[in-house]
Amino acid sequence: MATEILMPALSPTMEEGKLAKWLVKEGDTVSSGQILAEIETDKA
């Protein structure tokens, strides 16, 4: 089942980011506030 995940802005000018690495595997149980992935921005 697909679930929408919202990515918070990492800075006031951030418009997009690239998913660099998943930190959880498909099927893993996750909880609210858990870090799911590493995000790359244009300032990386």
PDB file of N, CA and C in Angstrom:
ATOM      1  N   MET A   1       0.838  -1.179   0.000  1.00  0.00           N
ATOM      2  CA  MET A   1       0.000   0.000   0.000  1.00  0.00           C
ATOM      3  C   MET A   1       0.883   1.242   0.000  1.00  0.00           C
ATOM      4  N   ALA A   2       0.673   2.146  -0.919  1.00  0.00           N
ATOM      5  CA  ALA A   2       1.446   3.386  -1.008  1.00  0.00           C
ATOM      6  C   ALA A   2       0.960   4.388   0.029  1.00  0.00           C
ATOM      7  N   THR A   3       1.891   5.130   0.596  1.00  0.00           N
ATOM      8  CA  THR A   3       1.578   6.171   1.556  1.00  0.00           C
ATOM      9  C   THR A   3       2.321   7.437   1.168  1.00  0.00           C
ATOM     10  N   GLU A   4       1.618   8.558   1.137  1.00  0.00           N
ATOM     11  CA  GLU A   4       2.247   9.829   0.808  1.00  0.00           C
ATOM     12  C   GLU A   4       3.062  10.302   2.008  1.00  0.00           C
ATOM     13  N   ILE A   5       4.289  10.731   1.736  1.00  0.00           N
ATOM     14  CA  ILE A   5       5.175  11.245   2.774  1.00  0.00           C
ATOM     15  C   ILE A   5       5.524  12.674   2.410  1.00  0.00           C
ATOM     16  N   LEU A   6       5.279  13.607   3.325  1.00  0.00           N
ATOM     17  CA  LEU A   6       5.589  15.006   3.070  1.00  0.00           C
ATOM     18  C   LEU A   6       6.994  15.311   3.568  1.00  0.00           C
ATOM     19  N   MET A   7       7.761  15.989   2.724  1.00  0.00           N
ATOM     20  CA  MET A   7       9.121  16.371   3.083  1.00  0.00           C
ATOM     21  C   MET A   7       9.109  17.833   3.505  1.00  0.00           C
ATOM     22  N   PRO A   8       9.508  18.131   4.747  1.00  0.00           N
ATOM     23  CA  PRO A   8       9.531  19.531   5.169  1.00  0.00           C
ATOM     24  C   PRO A   8      10.649  20.294   4.459  1.00  0.00           C
ATOM     25  N   ALA A   9      10.444  21.589   4.264  1.00  0.00           N
ATOM     26  CA  ALA A   9      11.497  22.432   3.680  1.00  0.00           C
ATOM     27  C   ALA A   9      12.660  22.506   4.651  1.00  0.00           C
ATOM     28  N   LEU A  10      13.865  22.349   4.150  1.00  0.00           N
ATOM     29  CA  LEU A  10      15.053  22.390   4.994  1.00  0.00           C
ATOM     30  C   LEU A  10      15.601  23.811   5.124  1.00  0.00           C
ATOM     31  N   SER A  11      15.086  24.716   4.298  1.00  0.00           N
ATOM     32  CA  SER A  11      15.439  26.135   4.391  1.00  0.00           C
ATOM     33  C   SER A  11      14.277  26.935   3.805  1.00  0.00           C
ATOM     34  N   PRO A  12      14.211  28.226   4.093  1.00  0.00           N
ATOM     35  CA  PRO A  12      13.099  29.045   3.575  1.00  0.00           C
ATOM     36  C   PRO A  12      13.054  29.132   2.049  1.00  0.00           C
ATOM     37  N   THR A  13      14.197  28.927   1.387  1.00  0.00           N
ATOM     38  CA  THR A  13      14.236  29.050  -0.074  1.00  0.00           C
ATOM     39  C   THR A  13      14.194  27.701  -0.786  1.00  0.00           C
ATOM     40  N   MET A  14      14.141  26.624  -0.039  1.00  0.00           N
ATOM     41  CA  MET A  14      14.149  25.287  -0.649  1.00  0.00           C
ATOM     42  C   MET A  14      12.867  25.029  -1.423  1.00  0.00           C
ATOM     43  N   GLU A  15      13.000  24.595  -2.664  1.00  0.00           N
ATOM     44  CA  GLU A  15      11.850  24.269  -3.497  1.00  0.00           C
ATOM     45  C   GLU A  15      11.799  22.797  -3.856  1.00  0.00           C
ATOM     46  N   GLU A  16      12.955  22.129  -3.901  1.00  0.00           N
ATOM     47  CA  GLU A  16      12.968  20.705  -4.217  1.00  0.00           C
ATOM     48  C   GLU A  16      14.203  20.054  -3.608  1.00  0.00           C
ATOM     49  N   GLY A  17      14.146  18.745  -3.493  1.00  0.00           N
ATOM     50  CA  GLY A  17      15.269  17.975  -2.981  1.00  0.00           C
ATOM     51  C   GLY A  17      15.289  16.622  -3.664  1.00  0.00           C
ATOM     52  N   LYS A  18      16.427  15.960  -3.607  1.00  0.00           N
ATOM     53  CA  LYS A  18      16.590  14.649  -4.231  1.00  0.00           C
ATOM     54  C   LYS A  18      16.755  13.611  -3.130  1.00  0.00           C
ATOM     55  N   LEU A  19      16.010  12.536  -3.238  1.00  0.00           N
ATOM     56  CA  LEU A  19      16.135  11.461  -2.276  1.00  0.00           C
ATOM     57  C   LEU A  19      17.465  10.751  -2.530  1.00  0.00           C
ATOM     58  N   ALA A  20      18.391  10.862  -1.593  1.00  0.00           N
ATOM     59  CA  ALA A  20      19.732  10.314  -1.781  1.00  0.00           C
ATOM     60  C   ALA A  20      19.840   8.881  -1.274  1.00  0.00           C
ATOM     61  N   LYS A  21      19.148   8.559  -0.174  1.00  0.00           N
ATOM     62  CA  LYS A  21      19.279   7.223   0.405  1.00  0.00           C
ATOM     63  C   LYS A  21      18.093   6.918   1.318  1.00  0.00           C
ATOM     64  N   TRP A  22      17.476   5.768   1.115  1.00  0.00           N
ATOM     65  CA  TRP A  22      16.430   5.297   2.022  1.00  0.00           C
ATOM     66  C   TRP A  22      17.100   4.730   3.280  1.00  0.00           C
ATOM     67  N   LEU A  23      16.561   5.030   4.447  1.00  0.00           N
ATOM     68  CA  LEU A  23      17.085   4.512   5.708  1.00  0.00           C
ATOM     69  C   LEU A  23      16.215   3.397   6.271  1.00  0.00           C
ATOM     70  N   VAL A  24      15.102   3.113   5.608  1.00  0.00           N
ATOM     71  CA  VAL A  24      14.224   2.003   5.987  1.00  0.00           C
ATOM     72  C   VAL A  24      13.992   1.132   4.763  1.00  0.00           C
ATOM     73  N   LYS A  25      13.642  -0.110   4.988  1.00  0.00           N
ATOM     74  CA  LYS A  25      13.380  -1.036   3.881  1.00  0.00           C
ATOM     75  C   LYS A  25      11.877  -1.147   3.641  1.00  0.00           C
ATOM     76  N   GLU A  26      11.522  -1.514   2.435  1.00  0.00           N
ATOM     77  CA  GLU A  26      10.115  -1.739   2.093  1.00  0.00           C
ATOM     78  C   GLU A  26       9.544  -2.777   3.039  1.00  0.00           C
ATOM     79  N   GLY A  27       8.397  -2.466   3.621  1.00  0.00           N
ATOM     80  CA  GLY A  27       7.736  -3.386   4.537  1.00  0.00           C
ATOM     81  C   GLY A  27       8.071  -3.147   6.001  1.00  0.00           C
ATOM     82  N   ASP A  28       9.113  -2.320   6.283  1.00  0.00           N
ATOM     83  CA  ASP A  28       9.461  -2.004   7.670  1.00  0.00           C
ATOM     84  C   ASP A  28       8.337  -1.213   8.326  1.00  0.00           C
ATOM     85  N   THR A  29       8.154  -1.406   9.609  1.00  0.00           N
ATOM     86  CA  THR A  29       7.224  -0.592  10.383  1.00  0.00           C
ATOM     87  C   THR A  29       7.940   0.700  10.757  1.00  0.00           C
ATOM     88  N   VAL A  30       7.275   1.831  10.556  1.00  0.00           N
ATOM     89  CA  VAL A  30       7.862   3.121  10.896  1.00  0.00           C
ATOM     90  C   VAL A  30       6.928   3.857  11.845  1.00  0.00           C
ATOM     91  N   SER A  31       7.486   4.821  12.558  1.00  0.00           N
ATOM     92  CA  SER A  31       6.674   5.593  13.493  1.00  0.00           C
ATOM     93  C   SER A  31       6.785   7.082  13.182  1.00  0.00           C
ATOM     94  N   SER A  32       5.848   7.836  13.696  1.00  0.00           N
ATOM     95  CA  SER A  32       5.818   9.274  13.488  1.00  0.00           C
ATOM     96  C   SER A  32       7.115   9.893  14.004  1.00  0.00           C
ATOM     97  N   GLY A  33       7.717  10.757  13.189  1.00  0.00           N
ATOM     98  CA  GLY A  33       8.945  11.425  13.575  1.00  0.00           C
ATOM     99  C   GLY A  33      10.214  10.669  13.217  1.00  0.00           C
ATOM    100  N   GLN A  34      10.078   9.428  12.780  1.00  0.00           N
ATOM    101  CA  GLN A  34      11.246   8.613  12.423  1.00  0.00           C
ATOM    102  C   GLN A  34      11.861   9.135  11.124  1.00  0.00           C
ATOM    103  N   ILE A  35      13.193   9.172  11.058  1.00  0.00           N
ATOM    104  CA  ILE A  35      13.879   9.583   9.835  1.00  0.00           C
ATOM    105  C   ILE A  35      13.823   8.425   8.844  1.00  0.00           C
ATOM    106  N   LEU A  36      13.297   8.701   7.651  1.00  0.00           N
ATOM    107  CA  LEU A  36      13.097   7.664   6.644  1.00  0.00           C
ATOM    108  C   LEU A  36      14.144   7.679   5.539  1.00  0.00           C
ATOM    109  N   ALA A  37      14.708   8.856   5.272  1.00  0.00           N
ATOM    110  CA  ALA A  37      15.618   8.964   4.133  1.00  0.00           C
ATOM    111  C   ALA A  37      16.566  10.136   4.305  1.00  0.00           C
ATOM    112  N   GLU A  38      17.642  10.111   3.505  1.00  0.00           N
ATOM    113  CA  GLU A  38      18.552  11.247   3.420  1.00  0.00           C
ATOM    114  C   GLU A  38      18.188  12.037   2.171  1.00  0.00           C
ATOM    115  N   ILE A  39      18.134  13.353   2.299  1.00  0.00           N
ATOM    116  CA  ILE A  39      17.734  14.231   1.199  1.00  0.00           C
ATOM    117  C   ILE A  39      18.909  15.105   0.788  1.00  0.00           C
ATOM    118  N   GLU A  40      19.130  15.236  -0.523  1.00  0.00           N
ATOM    119  CA  GLU A  40      20.147  16.125  -1.074  1.00  0.00           C
ATOM    120  C   GLU A  40      19.453  17.356  -1.612  1.00  0.00           C
ATOM    121  N   THR A  41      20.007  18.527  -1.320  1.00  0.00           N
ATOM    122  CA  THR A  41      19.449  19.767  -1.861  1.00  0.00           C
ATOM    123  C   THR A  41      20.461  20.402  -2.797  1.00  0.00           C
ATOM    124  N   ASP A  42      20.059  21.469  -3.448  1.00  0.00           N
ATOM    125  CA  ASP A  42      20.961  22.154  -4.371  1.00  0.00           C
ATOM    126  C   ASP A  42      22.153  22.790  -3.654  1.00  0.00           C
ATOM    127  N   LYS A  43      22.076  22.905  -2.335  1.00  0.00           N
ATOM    128  CA  LYS A  43      23.174  23.488  -1.570  1.00  0.00           C
ATOM    129  C   LYS A  43      24.089  22.426  -0.980  1.00  0.00           C
ATOM    130  N   ALA A  44      23.876  21.170  -1.335  1.00  0.00           N
ATOM    131  CA  ALA A  44      24.682  20.074  -0.784  1.00  0.00           C
ATOM    132  C   ALA A  44      26.082  20.079  -1.360  1.00  0.00           C
TER     133      ALA A  44
END
